[in-house]
């Protein structure tokens, strides 16, 4: 049972304080023979996702919609 609003310990995902995110579990089990390109980037996947780019993407989306008129 999960309590809504339950406090989770602070810490980076995958640390002793936080369970790994779904992405970490998925990328950890990638079969290089079956998905070679995904396996090649799986080791460095945390690099591009470590930085928060939500606002940049949202701005680009809104600007594109405004320009499209």
N, C-alpha and C. Protein backbone atom coordinates (compact mmCIF):
# COMPACT_ATOMS: atom_id res chain seq x y z
N UNK A 1 0.83 -1.16 0.00
CA UNK A 1 0.00 0.00 0.00
C UNK A 1 0.89 1.24 0.00
N UNK A 2 0.53 2.22 -0.81
CA UNK A 2 1.29 3.47 -0.90
C UNK A 2 0.45 4.58 -0.32
N UNK A 3 1.05 5.33 0.57
CA UNK A 3 0.35 6.48 1.14
C UNK A 3 0.55 7.67 0.24
N UNK A 4 -0.55 8.34 -0.07
CA UNK A 4 -0.47 9.55 -0.88
C UNK A 4 0.15 10.64 -0.01
N UNK A 5 1.11 11.34 -0.57
CA UNK A 5 1.75 12.42 0.17
C UNK A 5 2.83 11.94 1.12
N UNK A 6 3.14 10.65 1.09
CA UNK A 6 4.19 10.15 1.96
C UNK A 6 5.51 10.77 1.57
N UNK A 7 6.29 11.14 2.53
CA UNK A 7 7.58 11.77 2.24
C UNK A 7 8.60 10.71 1.87
N UNK A 8 9.35 11.01 0.83
CA UNK A 8 10.42 10.13 0.40
C UNK A 8 11.73 10.75 0.84
N UNK A 9 12.70 9.94 1.16
CA UNK A 9 14.01 10.49 1.51
C UNK A 9 14.60 11.25 0.34
N UNK A 10 15.34 12.30 0.64
CA UNK A 10 15.99 13.09 -0.41
C UNK A 10 17.29 12.42 -0.82
N UNK A 11 17.64 12.61 -2.06
CA UNK A 11 18.88 12.07 -2.58
C UNK A 11 18.73 11.79 -4.06
N UNK A 12 19.84 11.64 -4.76
CA UNK A 12 19.76 11.37 -6.20
C UNK A 12 19.15 10.00 -6.45
N UNK A 13 18.43 9.85 -7.58
CA UNK A 13 17.85 8.55 -7.91
C UNK A 13 18.92 7.47 -7.95
N UNK A 14 18.62 6.33 -7.42
CA UNK A 14 19.56 5.22 -7.42
C UNK A 14 20.50 5.22 -6.24
N UNK A 15 20.50 6.29 -5.44
CA UNK A 15 21.34 6.32 -4.25
C UNK A 15 20.68 5.48 -3.16
N UNK A 16 21.35 5.36 -2.03
CA UNK A 16 20.78 4.59 -0.93
C UNK A 16 19.48 5.20 -0.44
N UNK A 17 19.30 6.51 -0.66
CA UNK A 17 18.10 7.21 -0.20
C UNK A 17 16.93 7.05 -1.16
N UNK A 18 17.19 6.85 -2.42
CA UNK A 18 16.14 6.81 -3.43
C UNK A 18 16.22 5.50 -4.22
N UNK A 19 15.08 4.89 -4.48
CA UNK A 19 15.11 3.71 -5.35
C UNK A 19 15.41 4.14 -6.78
N UNK A 20 15.94 3.25 -7.61
CA UNK A 20 16.23 3.63 -9.00
C UNK A 20 14.94 3.91 -9.76
N UNK A 21 15.00 4.87 -10.64
CA UNK A 21 13.86 5.17 -11.50
C UNK A 21 13.66 4.03 -12.48
N UNK A 22 12.51 4.00 -13.08
CA UNK A 22 12.19 2.96 -14.06
C UNK A 22 13.22 2.95 -15.19
N UNK A 23 13.63 4.16 -15.64
CA UNK A 23 14.61 4.23 -16.74
C UNK A 23 15.90 3.52 -16.38
N UNK A 24 16.39 3.71 -15.15
CA UNK A 24 17.64 3.07 -14.75
C UNK A 24 17.49 1.55 -14.79
N UNK A 25 16.35 1.05 -14.34
CA UNK A 25 16.13 -0.40 -14.37
C UNK A 25 16.06 -0.92 -15.80
N UNK A 26 15.40 -0.18 -16.69
CA UNK A 26 15.27 -0.61 -18.08
C UNK A 26 16.63 -0.60 -18.78
N UNK A 27 17.37 0.50 -18.65
CA UNK A 27 18.66 0.61 -19.33
C UNK A 27 19.68 -0.37 -18.76
N UNK A 28 19.55 -0.73 -17.50
CA UNK A 28 20.50 -1.68 -16.91
C UNK A 28 20.34 -3.07 -17.52
N UNK A 29 19.15 -3.38 -18.02
CA UNK A 29 18.92 -4.71 -18.56
C UNK A 29 18.92 -4.80 -20.07
N UNK A 30 19.48 -3.80 -20.75
CA UNK A 30 19.48 -3.79 -22.22
C UNK A 30 20.44 -4.86 -22.75
N UNK A 31 19.96 -5.65 -23.68
CA UNK A 31 20.77 -6.69 -24.32
C UNK A 31 21.49 -6.08 -25.52
N UNK A 32 22.81 -6.01 -25.47
CA UNK A 32 23.60 -5.39 -26.53
C UNK A 32 23.45 -6.11 -27.87
N UNK A 33 23.21 -7.40 -27.85
CA UNK A 33 23.04 -8.14 -29.11
C UNK A 33 21.70 -7.79 -29.76
N UNK A 34 20.70 -7.56 -28.93
CA UNK A 34 19.37 -7.27 -29.46
C UNK A 34 19.19 -5.79 -29.81
N UNK A 35 19.73 -4.91 -28.98
CA UNK A 35 19.59 -3.45 -29.18
C UNK A 35 20.96 -2.78 -29.06
N UNK A 36 21.83 -2.95 -30.05
CA UNK A 36 23.20 -2.44 -29.93
C UNK A 36 23.29 -0.92 -29.77
N UNK A 37 22.46 -0.17 -30.47
CA UNK A 37 22.54 1.30 -30.36
C UNK A 37 22.08 1.78 -29.00
N UNK A 38 21.03 1.18 -28.49
CA UNK A 38 20.54 1.56 -27.16
C UNK A 38 21.59 1.19 -26.11
N UNK A 39 22.18 0.01 -26.24
CA UNK A 39 23.21 -0.42 -25.30
C UNK A 39 24.42 0.51 -25.34
N UNK A 40 24.75 1.02 -26.53
CA UNK A 40 25.91 1.91 -26.66
C UNK A 40 25.71 3.22 -25.89
N UNK A 41 24.49 3.73 -25.88
CA UNK A 41 24.26 4.99 -25.17
C UNK A 41 23.78 4.78 -23.74
N UNK A 42 23.43 3.54 -23.38
CA UNK A 42 22.90 3.27 -22.04
C UNK A 42 23.89 3.65 -20.94
N UNK A 43 25.17 3.41 -21.19
CA UNK A 43 26.17 3.71 -20.17
C UNK A 43 26.30 5.20 -19.91
N UNK A 44 26.05 6.03 -20.91
CA UNK A 44 26.19 7.47 -20.72
C UNK A 44 24.84 8.19 -20.65
N UNK A 45 23.76 7.43 -20.53
CA UNK A 45 22.43 8.01 -20.47
C UNK A 45 22.24 9.02 -19.34
N UNK A 46 22.79 8.82 -18.16
CA UNK A 46 22.59 9.82 -17.11
C UNK A 46 23.14 11.21 -17.47
N UNK A 47 24.17 11.28 -18.33
CA UNK A 47 24.74 12.58 -18.70
C UNK A 47 23.70 13.52 -19.30
N UNK A 48 23.05 13.14 -20.41
CA UNK A 48 22.09 14.07 -21.01
C UNK A 48 20.85 14.31 -20.15
N UNK A 49 20.46 13.34 -19.33
CA UNK A 49 19.24 13.51 -18.55
C UNK A 49 19.49 14.13 -17.18
N UNK A 50 20.76 14.34 -16.82
CA UNK A 50 21.05 14.90 -15.50
C UNK A 50 20.67 16.37 -15.42
N UNK A 51 20.64 17.05 -16.55
CA UNK A 51 20.32 18.47 -16.53
C UNK A 51 18.85 18.66 -16.84
N UNK A 52 18.23 19.59 -16.13
CA UNK A 52 16.80 19.84 -16.29
C UNK A 52 16.58 20.77 -17.47
N UNK A 53 15.97 20.26 -18.53
CA UNK A 53 15.75 21.05 -19.74
C UNK A 53 14.26 21.25 -20.02
N UNK A 54 13.43 21.03 -19.01
CA UNK A 54 11.99 21.13 -19.20
C UNK A 54 11.59 22.52 -19.69
N UNK A 55 12.07 23.57 -19.03
CA UNK A 55 11.68 24.93 -19.42
C UNK A 55 12.17 25.28 -20.82
N UNK A 56 13.38 24.85 -21.18
CA UNK A 56 13.89 25.10 -22.53
C UNK A 56 12.98 24.45 -23.58
N UNK A 57 12.59 23.22 -23.33
CA UNK A 57 11.71 22.52 -24.26
C UNK A 57 10.33 23.15 -24.34
N UNK A 58 9.81 23.56 -23.19
CA UNK A 58 8.50 24.21 -23.17
C UNK A 58 8.53 25.53 -23.93
N UNK A 59 9.59 26.31 -23.72
CA UNK A 59 9.73 27.58 -24.46
C UNK A 59 9.80 27.33 -25.96
N UNK A 60 10.57 26.34 -26.37
CA UNK A 60 10.68 26.03 -27.80
C UNK A 60 9.34 25.60 -28.37
N UNK A 61 8.59 24.82 -27.63
CA UNK A 61 7.27 24.39 -28.09
C UNK A 61 6.33 25.58 -28.24
N UNK A 62 6.27 26.44 -27.23
CA UNK A 62 5.38 27.61 -27.27
C UNK A 62 5.80 28.55 -28.40
N UNK A 63 7.10 28.81 -28.53
CA UNK A 63 7.57 29.69 -29.61
C UNK A 63 7.20 29.12 -30.98
N UNK A 64 7.34 27.81 -31.16
CA UNK A 64 6.98 27.19 -32.43
C UNK A 64 5.49 27.31 -32.71
N UNK A 65 4.67 27.15 -31.69
CA UNK A 65 3.23 27.27 -31.87
C UNK A 65 2.83 28.71 -32.19
N UNK A 66 3.48 29.67 -31.52
CA UNK A 66 3.17 31.09 -31.77
C UNK A 66 3.58 31.47 -33.19
N UNK A 67 4.77 31.03 -33.62
CA UNK A 67 5.24 31.37 -34.96
C UNK A 67 4.38 30.72 -36.04
N UNK A 68 3.84 29.53 -35.75
CA UNK A 68 3.00 28.84 -36.73
C UNK A 68 1.65 29.54 -36.88
N UNK A 69 1.32 30.33 -35.87
CA UNK A 69 0.17 31.19 -35.93
C UNK A 69 -1.14 30.60 -35.78
